[in-house]
């Protein structure tokens, strides 16, 4: 039976093989994890649909594979369970588990035609970048290389075809086009010369670690690279504006102190402030539905569902944003249990792709790091995000029927960043003020 790359979310078209958990010849039970796969949303383990013997591994670690493509062969016939796996040398697994380097002289692949304009900022998979480094292909040439993948991405086949075609410089393609009709006798020349010209580029990565003795060079991991790209994209796409409001959350603090021990004993989980913040935000979204939108060109897409993402810090130092779907339909206990479940699975790397999809608004608790406020970056394609700061005791004027008094209260800043293309200061300011109102009006008799 062929094992194929499964579909791991409605918008996911490919995955990167991170690690094989089984090796050729290993016995596999049905639903047992065989490999780890990374997508642009989540890392997950892929189980076998059939029990048997892993006969062939068709893709190597680090390779990007399209959804539905074969990744392994499992022998399911019990009578042949002890039969040796086919030799990988017969054009089998060995060819598929290596990044092939095809000499230009041994292939008839046509030379790649450069795109009219460089594709600056285009995403490149780790495999494509690895091949580019090994073959001495500059980033300038990569930006001109036409891609046949989703959204014009350069696939492994695209770059290998380019290598097989002789790696003619593409960055200078517009000025070189008049020479395209040169006699055939001169055709071999570009095949050899670019390889020599590319030699300095191939050595460039070795020069990167040239740092002083008081410095340390740390390469970003895959998730950090992805976060970095998304943050840059968000700031480029959305003009960010941030409004701030300070809320008196004394009643919430007293309520939690009263119930947290009993809740821990009853549910075996911690009772945090986050579910209360989510509930207040969900109610405010119902009052201001134009916060719960996304943009598609000149159109605003208004979402009926209120799906609130919550930023969770991982042990690696990275952040991930699981989503509480239909948050407005859950009570405090439901929100608390859902939040604890998502946070625990996020830190254990057990989230599923659907746990990260469909968010319409996001909240980040910067107060958990001792910060009083922050200016969060919007999660695209959403148009707003809220950061909740640390709760601090402050002296405050308390209005009573007998007159004003000075007392100690608990305060917290709310920071609301929004996309000024569709959210003006009035809407953005009224929304965060409404969230603060719901927090300040929290009923201390609320049960959980």
Protein backbone atom coordinates (compact mmCIF):
# COMPACT_ATOMS: atom_id res chain seq x y z
CA UNK A 1 0.00 0.00 0.00
CA UNK A 2 1.25 3.47 -0.84
CA UNK A 3 1.24 5.89 2.09
CA UNK A 4 0.54 9.43 0.87
CA UNK A 5 0.96 12.88 2.34
CA UNK A 6 -2.39 13.50 4.10
CA UNK A 7 -4.39 16.70 3.86
CA UNK A 8 -3.81 18.48 7.17
CA UNK A 9 -6.13 21.46 6.81
CA UNK A 10 -8.34 23.02 4.21
CA UNK A 11 -5.74 25.59 3.11
CA UNK A 12 -2.65 23.35 3.37
CA UNK A 13 -1.31 22.07 0.04
CA UNK A 14 2.10 20.71 1.07
CA UNK A 15 4.14 19.59 4.06
CA UNK A 16 7.81 19.23 4.98
CA UNK A 17 9.02 15.85 6.27
CA UNK A 18 10.73 16.65 9.56
CA UNK A 19 11.64 13.19 10.86
CA UNK A 20 10.94 9.55 10.09
CA UNK A 21 9.88 7.76 13.28
CA UNK A 22 10.11 4.35 11.58
CA UNK A 23 12.80 2.86 9.35
CA UNK A 24 12.66 0.42 6.44
CA UNK A 25 11.88 -3.05 7.76
CA UNK A 26 10.08 -1.84 10.89
CA UNK A 27 6.70 -3.28 11.77
CA UNK A 28 3.91 -0.70 11.94
CA UNK A 29 0.56 -0.97 13.68
CA UNK A 30 -2.52 0.71 12.26
CA UNK A 31 -2.78 4.33 13.48
CA UNK A 32 0.84 4.22 14.75
CA UNK A 33 2.84 7.37 14.00
CA UNK A 34 5.29 6.89 11.14
CA UNK A 35 6.77 10.36 10.58
CA UNK A 36 6.61 13.99 11.70
CA UNK A 37 5.45 16.58 9.17
CA UNK A 38 5.60 20.37 9.34
CA UNK A 39 3.21 22.70 7.56
CA UNK A 40 2.97 26.47 7.63
CA UNK A 41 0.50 26.07 10.50
CA UNK A 42 1.61 23.24 12.77
CA UNK A 43 4.00 20.31 13.25
CA UNK A 44 2.21 17.00 13.58
CA UNK A 45 2.75 13.23 13.50
CA UNK A 46 1.30 11.24 10.61
CA UNK A 47 -0.14 7.79 11.47
CA UNK A 48 -0.28 4.73 9.23
CA UNK A 49 -3.69 3.85 7.82
CA UNK A 50 -2.70 0.17 7.52
CA UNK A 51 -0.65 -2.23 9.62
CA UNK A 52 2.33 -3.92 8.01
CA UNK A 53 6.05 -3.59 7.29
CA UNK A 54 7.60 -0.32 6.13
CA UNK A 55 9.02 -1.44 2.79
CA UNK A 56 10.21 1.81 1.21
CA UNK A 57 10.75 5.43 2.26
CA UNK A 58 10.18 7.61 -0.78
CA UNK A 59 11.05 11.07 0.56
CA UNK A 60 13.92 12.24 2.70
CA UNK A 61 13.82 14.39 5.79
CA UNK A 62 13.61 18.07 4.91
CA UNK A 63 11.83 17.45 1.62
CA UNK A 64 8.64 19.36 0.77
CA UNK A 65 5.86 17.09 -0.48
CA UNK A 66 2.52 17.99 -2.03
CA UNK A 67 -0.67 16.71 -0.40
CA UNK A 68 -1.62 13.36 -1.92
CA UNK A 69 1.91 12.52 -3.12
CA UNK A 70 3.33 9.10 -2.12
CA UNK A 71 5.80 9.20 0.77
CA UNK A 72 6.26 5.51 1.67
CA UNK A 73 5.29 1.95 0.78
CA UNK A 74 3.88 -0.41 3.41
CA UNK A 75 3.75 -4.16 2.85
CA UNK A 76 0.39 -5.27 4.28
CA UNK A 77 0.39 -8.94 3.20
CA UNK A 78 1.17 -10.99 6.31
CA UNK A 79 2.48 -13.85 4.14
CA UNK A 80 5.16 -11.59 2.69
CA UNK A 81 5.90 -9.71 5.88
CA UNK A 82 9.35 -11.23 6.05
CA UNK A 83 10.25 -10.58 2.40
CA UNK A 84 13.18 -8.23 1.91
CA UNK A 85 12.46 -4.74 0.73
CA UNK A 86 13.22 -4.06 -2.96
CA UNK A 87 16.73 -2.84 -3.60
CA UNK A 88 16.82 0.90 -3.47
CA UNK A 89 19.40 0.98 -6.24
CA UNK A 90 16.88 -0.15 -8.90
CA UNK A 91 15.59 3.36 -9.38
CA UNK A 92 13.59 2.93 -6.20
CA UNK A 93 13.76 4.65 -2.84
CA UNK A 94 17.36 5.75 -3.18
CA UNK A 95 16.53 8.04 -6.07
CA UNK A 96 13.61 9.52 -4.18
CA UNK A 97 15.38 9.95 -0.88
CA UNK A 98 18.20 12.05 -2.23
CA UNK A 99 18.34 15.54 -3.68
CA UNK A 100 19.50 14.64 -7.19
CA UNK A 101 22.30 16.64 -8.78
CA UNK A 102 21.96 16.12 -12.52
CA UNK A 103 24.98 17.22 -14.60
CA UNK A 104 23.93 19.60 -17.34
CA UNK A 105 25.74 17.57 -20.00
CA UNK A 106 23.62 14.48 -19.25
CA UNK A 107 20.17 16.02 -19.67
CA UNK A 108 18.20 17.63 -22.40
CA UNK A 109 16.26 19.89 -20.01
CA UNK A 110 15.58 23.30 -21.58
CA UNK A 111 17.07 26.39 -19.99
CA UNK A 112 14.68 28.22 -17.63
CA UNK A 113 13.12 31.43 -18.91
CA UNK A 114 13.36 34.32 -16.48
CA UNK A 115 10.23 36.04 -15.16
CA UNK A 116 9.61 39.57 -16.39
CA UNK A 117 10.05 41.02 -12.89
CA UNK A 118 11.95 39.71 -9.84
CA UNK A 119 9.67 38.03 -7.28
CA UNK A 120 11.11 39.81 -4.22
CA UNK A 121 9.85 38.53 -0.87
CA UNK A 122 8.60 35.23 -2.34
CA UNK A 123 8.57 32.23 0.04
CA UNK A 124 11.18 29.51 -0.59
CA UNK A 125 11.02 26.13 1.10
CA UNK A 126 14.06 24.93 3.11
CA UNK A 127 14.72 22.28 0.44
CA UNK A 128 14.80 24.82 -2.40
CA UNK A 129 17.14 27.09 -0.43
CA UNK A 130 19.38 24.12 0.39
CA UNK A 131 19.67 23.16 -3.28
CA UNK A 132 20.34 26.79 -4.19
CA UNK A 133 23.21 26.95 -1.69
CA UNK A 134 24.72 23.66 -2.88
CA UNK A 135 24.50 24.68 -6.52
CA UNK A 136 25.76 28.24 -5.99
CA UNK A 137 22.52 29.87 -7.17
CA UNK A 138 22.26 33.46 -6.00
CA UNK A 139 19.13 34.96 -4.44
CA UNK A 140 18.98 37.34 -7.40
CA UNK A 141 18.64 34.42 -9.82
CA UNK A 142 16.09 32.72 -7.52
CA UNK A 143 13.88 35.82 -7.61
CA UNK A 144 13.79 35.64 -11.43
CA UNK A 145 13.22 31.87 -11.54
CA UNK A 146 9.60 31.10 -12.57
CA UNK A 147 7.75 28.90 -10.10
CA UNK A 148 5.04 26.37 -10.88
CA UNK A 149 3.97 25.84 -7.26
CA UNK A 150 1.10 27.37 -5.31
CA UNK A 151 1.10 31.19 -5.58
CA UNK A 152 4.11 31.03 -7.91
CA UNK A 153 6.38 29.23 -5.44
CA UNK A 154 9.56 27.61 -6.74
CA UNK A 155 9.28 23.84 -6.35
CA UNK A 156 12.06 21.27 -6.14
CA UNK A 157 11.38 20.33 -9.78
CA UNK A 158 11.66 23.98 -10.87
CA UNK A 159 15.10 24.47 -9.35
CA UNK A 160 16.41 21.05 -10.45
CA UNK A 161 15.25 21.79 -14.01
CA UNK A 162 17.11 25.07 -13.79
CA UNK A 163 20.26 23.26 -12.60
CA UNK A 164 19.90 20.69 -15.37
CA UNK A 165 19.52 23.48 -17.91
CA UNK A 166 22.92 24.92 -17.09
CA UNK A 167 22.09 27.57 -14.46
CA UNK A 168 22.23 30.49 -16.89
CA UNK A 169 22.16 33.75 -14.92
CA UNK A 170 18.55 34.93 -14.74
CA UNK A 171 19.03 38.22 -12.89
CA UNK A 172 20.62 39.67 -16.03
CA UNK A 173 18.09 37.99 -18.33
CA UNK A 174 16.43 41.20 -19.66
CA UNK A 175 19.73 42.57 -21.01
CA UNK A 176 20.88 39.15 -22.24
CA UNK A 177 17.75 38.40 -24.26
CA UNK A 178 19.03 39.92 -27.55
CA UNK A 179 21.81 37.28 -27.51
CA UNK A 180 19.33 34.39 -27.34
CA UNK A 181 19.68 33.75 -31.06
CA UNK A 182 23.44 33.15 -30.86
CA UNK A 183 24.83 30.29 -32.99
CA UNK A 184 24.50 26.80 -31.55
CA UNK A 185 28.26 26.43 -31.44
CA UNK A 186 28.44 28.93 -28.60
CA UNK A 187 25.68 27.29 -26.60
CA UNK A 188 27.94 25.17 -24.38
CA UNK A 189 29.81 28.23 -23.17
CA UNK A 190 27.10 29.56 -20.83
CA UNK A 191 26.75 26.07 -19.36
CA UNK A 192 30.35 26.10 -18.12
CA UNK A 193 30.92 29.75 -17.33
CA UNK A 194 28.04 30.30 -14.90
CA UNK A 195 29.32 27.39 -12.79
CA UNK A 196 32.65 29.16 -12.42
CA UNK A 197 31.01 32.49 -11.75
CA UNK A 198 28.80 30.88 -9.12
CA UNK A 199 31.72 29.48 -7.15
CA UNK A 200 32.11 32.58 -4.91
CA UNK A 201 28.38 32.49 -4.20
CA UNK A 202 28.61 28.84 -3.18
CA UNK A 203 31.31 29.72 -0.67
CA UNK A 204 29.35 32.67 0.72
CA UNK A 205 27.48 30.68 3.43
CA UNK A 206 30.85 29.57 4.88
CA UNK A 207 31.77 33.22 5.45
CA UNK A 208 28.61 33.91 7.51
CA UNK A 209 29.99 32.51 10.82
CA UNK A 210 32.89 35.04 10.63
CA UNK A 211 32.10 36.83 13.90
CA UNK A 212 34.15 38.13 16.78
CA UNK A 213 35.01 35.99 19.79
CA UNK A 214 32.45 37.83 21.91
CA UNK A 215 29.54 36.90 19.63
CA UNK A 216 27.52 33.79 18.98
CA UNK A 217 25.84 32.90 15.70
CA UNK A 218 22.43 31.24 16.09
CA UNK A 219 20.43 30.11 13.08
CA UNK A 220 16.67 30.63 13.38
CA UNK A 221 14.65 27.45 13.65
CA UNK A 222 11.87 26.77 11.15
CA UNK A 223 9.11 28.23 13.33
CA UNK A 224 11.06 31.41 14.11
CA UNK A 225 11.71 31.97 10.39
CA UNK A 226 8.00 31.56 9.73
CA UNK A 227 7.05 33.94 12.55
CA UNK A 228 9.55 36.51 11.31
CA UNK A 229 8.17 36.39 7.77
CA UNK A 230 4.57 36.69 8.93
CA UNK A 231 5.33 39.64 11.20
CA UNK A 232 7.11 41.48 8.38
CA UNK A 233 4.21 40.72 6.03
CA UNK A 234 1.64 41.98 8.55
CA UNK A 235 3.43 45.31 9.09
CA UNK A 236 3.75 45.68 5.31
CA UNK A 237 0.09 44.86 4.64
CA UNK A 238 -1.69 46.63 7.52
CA UNK A 239 -1.19 50.22 8.72
CA UNK A 240 -1.18 49.59 12.47
CA UNK A 241 -2.76 51.96 14.99
CA UNK A 242 -2.92 51.18 18.73
CA UNK A 243 -5.37 52.53 21.33
CA UNK A 244 -4.96 52.06 25.09
CA UNK A 245 -7.48 51.86 27.93
CA UNK A 246 -6.91 51.20 31.64
CA UNK A 247 -9.51 48.97 33.31
CA UNK A 248 -10.30 48.46 37.00
CA UNK A 249 -10.39 44.66 37.41
CA UNK A 250 -10.57 44.52 41.22
CA UNK A 251 -13.80 42.50 41.25
CA UNK A 252 -12.28 39.96 38.83
CA UNK A 253 -9.16 39.56 40.96
CA UNK A 254 -11.20 39.03 44.13
CA UNK A 255 -13.54 36.59 42.36
CA UNK A 256 -10.65 34.49 41.03
CA UNK A 257 -8.93 34.43 44.41
CA UNK A 258 -12.15 33.16 45.92
CA UNK A 259 -12.72 30.33 43.40
CA UNK A 260 -9.31 29.22 42.09
CA UNK A 261 -8.52 26.64 44.81
CA UNK A 262 -11.94 24.98 44.63
CA UNK A 263 -11.77 24.97 40.82
CA UNK A 264 -8.32 23.37 40.88
CA UNK A 265 -9.55 20.66 43.24
CA UNK A 266 -12.71 20.01 41.22
CA UNK A 267 -11.34 20.18 37.66
CA UNK A 268 -7.65 19.47 38.17
CA UNK A 269 -6.86 22.61 36.17
CA UNK A 270 -5.85 26.18 36.92
CA UNK A 271 -8.40 28.98 36.79
CA UNK A 272 -6.71 31.88 34.99
CA UNK A 273 -7.82 35.36 33.97
CA UNK A 274 -7.66 34.55 30.25
CA UNK A 275 -11.17 33.02 29.92
CA UNK A 276 -12.64 36.19 31.46
CA UNK A 277 -10.74 38.35 28.96
CA UNK A 278 -11.93 36.16 26.08
CA UNK A 279 -15.54 36.36 27.26
CA UNK A 280 -15.39 40.17 27.44
CA UNK A 281 -13.83 40.39 23.97
CA UNK A 282 -16.46 38.06 22.49
CA UNK A 283 -19.24 40.21 23.92
CA UNK A 284 -17.63 43.38 22.59
CA UNK A 285 -17.34 41.79 19.11
CA UNK A 286 -21.08 41.14 19.19
CA UNK A 287 -21.55 44.86 19.88
CA UNK A 288 -19.04 45.93 17.19
CA UNK A 289 -19.16 43.23 14.46
CA UNK A 290 -17.02 45.26 12.04
CA UNK A 291 -14.02 44.33 14.18
CA UNK A 292 -14.66 40.70 13.21
CA UNK A 293 -13.75 41.08 9.53
CA UNK A 294 -11.01 40.46 6.99
CA UNK A 295 -10.08 42.24 3.75
CA UNK A 296 -10.02 40.77 0.25
CA UNK A 297 -8.98 43.42 -2.24
CA UNK A 298 -11.64 46.14 -2.19
CA UNK A 299 -14.07 43.95 -0.25
CA UNK A 300 -14.64 43.55 3.51
CA UNK A 301 -15.58 40.02 4.59
CA UNK A 302 -17.74 40.12 7.71
CA UNK A 303 -17.50 36.93 9.80
CA UNK A 304 -20.50 35.46 11.59
CA UNK A 305 -18.44 33.13 13.77
CA UNK A 306 -16.44 34.61 16.64
CA UNK A 307 -13.23 32.56 16.73
CA UNK A 308 -10.67 33.99 19.13
CA UNK A 309 -7.02 33.05 18.87
CA UNK A 310 -4.86 33.16 21.99
CA UNK A 311 -1.07 33.53 21.76
CA UNK A 312 0.71 30.76 23.71
CA UNK A 313 4.43 30.83 24.56
CA UNK A 314 6.21 27.56 23.78
CA UNK A 315 9.17 26.07 25.67
CA UNK A 316 11.34 26.88 22.63
CA UNK A 317 10.62 30.59 23.10
CA UNK A 318 8.42 30.74 20.01
CA UNK A 319 4.74 31.66 19.98
CA UNK A 320 1.80 29.80 18.51
CA UNK A 321 -1.83 30.92 18.30
CA UNK A 322 -4.47 28.19 18.80
CA UNK A 323 -8.07 29.23 18.20
CA UNK A 324 -11.17 28.92 20.40
CA UNK A 325 -13.95 28.51 17.86
CA UNK A 326 -17.38 30.02 18.58
CA UNK A 327 -16.06 31.57 21.77
CA UNK A 328 -19.28 33.53 22.22
CA UNK A 329 -21.21 30.26 22.72
CA UNK A 330 -19.12 29.04 25.68
CA UNK A 331 -19.57 29.92 29.34
CA UNK A 332 -16.62 30.66 31.63
CA UNK A 333 -16.08 27.03 32.54
CA UNK A 334 -16.18 26.00 28.89
CA UNK A 335 -13.72 28.75 27.94
CA UNK A 336 -11.41 27.79 30.80
CA UNK A 337 -11.32 24.10 29.90
CA UNK A 338 -10.88 24.85 26.19
CA UNK A 339 -8.07 27.32 26.85
CA UNK A 340 -6.23 24.93 29.18
CA UNK A 341 -6.57 22.09 26.68
CA UNK A 342 -5.20 24.15 23.78
CA UNK A 343 -2.34 25.60 25.84
CA UNK A 344 -1.28 22.17 27.14
CA UNK A 345 -1.38 20.57 23.71
CA UNK A 346 0.48 23.53 22.18
CA UNK A 347 3.36 23.15 24.66
CA UNK A 348 3.42 19.39 24.04
CA UNK A 349 3.42 19.89 20.24
CA UNK A 350 0.10 18.01 19.97
CA UNK A 351 -2.03 20.63 18.21
CA UNK A 352 -3.93 19.67 15.08
CA UNK A 353 -4.13 21.93 12.00
CA UNK A 354 -7.80 22.69 12.70
CA UNK A 355 -6.78 24.06 16.13
CA UNK A 356 -4.96 26.89 14.36
CA UNK A 357 -7.44 27.68 11.60
CA UNK A 358 -10.31 30.11 11.27
CA UNK A 359 -9.32 32.76 13.82
CA UNK A 360 -11.19 36.06 13.45
CA UNK A 361 -9.65 38.01 16.36
CA UNK A 362 -6.61 37.46 18.58
CA UNK A 363 -5.64 38.23 22.19
CA UNK A 364 -2.12 38.18 23.63
CA UNK A 365 -1.49 38.17 27.37
CA UNK A 366 1.72 40.21 27.70
CA UNK A 367 0.96 40.57 31.40
CA UNK A 368 2.10 36.98 31.93
CA UNK A 369 5.64 38.26 31.26
CA UNK A 370 5.27 41.16 33.69
CA UNK A 371 4.62 43.76 30.94
CA UNK A 372 2.03 46.45 31.68
CA UNK A 373 1.19 47.04 28.02
CA UNK A 374 2.32 46.28 24.46
CA UNK A 375 1.67 47.08 20.82
CA UNK A 376 0.80 43.70 19.28
CA UNK A 377 1.09 42.92 15.56
CA UNK A 378 -2.08 41.84 13.77
CA UNK A 379 -2.49 38.19 12.71
CA UNK A 380 -3.28 38.33 9.00
CA UNK A 381 -5.90 38.32 7.52
CA UNK A 382 -7.57 39.60 10.71
CA UNK A 383 -7.85 43.34 11.27
CA UNK A 384 -7.33 43.67 15.03
CA UNK A 385 -5.57 42.18 18.06
CA UNK A 386 -5.60 42.98 21.78
CA UNK A 387 -2.80 42.73 24.33
CA UNK A 388 -3.73 42.51 28.01
CA UNK A 389 -1.12 43.75 30.47
CA UNK A 390 -0.08 42.83 33.98
CA UNK A 391 -2.55 43.56 36.78
CA UNK A 392 -1.11 46.11 39.22
CA UNK A 393 -2.35 47.55 42.50
CA UNK A 394 -2.78 51.34 42.43
CA UNK A 395 -4.31 54.02 44.63
CA UNK A 396 -7.56 55.23 43.09
CA UNK A 397 -10.47 57.56 43.77
CA UNK A 398 -13.55 55.54 44.73
CA UNK A 399 -16.95 57.19 44.38
CA UNK A 400 -19.40 56.33 47.17
CA UNK A 401 -22.77 57.76 48.26
CA UNK A 402 -20.93 59.37 51.16
CA UNK A 403 -18.37 61.01 48.85
CA UNK A 404 -15.07 60.23 47.19
CA UNK A 405 -12.52 58.04 48.96
CA UNK A 406 -8.96 56.91 48.20
CA UNK A 407 -8.52 53.15 48.06
CA UNK A 408 -6.29 50.42 46.62
CA UNK A 409 -7.60 48.91 43.38
CA UNK A 410 -6.33 46.47 40.75
CA UNK A 411 -5.79 47.98 37.29
CA UNK A 412 -4.78 46.59 33.91
CA UNK A 413 -3.99 48.19 30.56
CA UNK A 414 -5.64 46.96 27.36
CA UNK A 415 -3.72 47.65 24.13
CA UNK A 416 -5.77 47.39 20.94
CA UNK A 417 -3.91 47.33 17.59
CA UNK A 418 -6.08 47.58 14.48
CA UNK A 419 -5.81 47.85 10.71
CA UNK A 420 -6.42 51.51 9.84
CA UNK A 421 -7.51 50.57 6.32
CA UNK A 422 -10.91 49.50 7.64
CA UNK A 423 -10.91 50.28 11.38
CA UNK A 424 -10.90 53.99 12.18
CA UNK A 425 -9.91 55.44 15.54
CA UNK A 426 -13.52 55.76 16.63
CA UNK A 427 -14.34 52.08 16.10
CA UNK A 428 -10.98 50.88 17.41
CA UNK A 429 -11.23 53.12 20.48
CA UNK A 430 -14.87 52.30 21.25
CA UNK A 431 -14.19 48.58 20.95
CA UNK A 432 -11.37 48.51 23.51
CA UNK A 433 -13.38 50.77 25.80
CA UNK A 434 -16.32 48.33 25.59
CA UNK A 435 -14.05 45.41 26.52
CA UNK A 436 -12.87 47.40 29.55
CA UNK A 437 -16.50 48.15 30.47
CA UNK A 438 -17.38 44.44 30.45
CA UNK A 439 -14.38 43.69 32.65
CA UNK A 440 -15.25 46.45 35.11
CA UNK A 441 -18.89 45.31 35.22
CA UNK A 442 -17.96 41.69 35.98
CA UNK A 443 -20.51 40.17 38.39
CA UNK A 444 -18.67 38.95 41.52
CA UNK A 445 -21.51 36.45 42.06
CA UNK A 446 -20.73 34.63 38.82
CA UNK A 447 -20.59 30.85 39.26
CA UNK A 448 -18.19 28.50 37.55
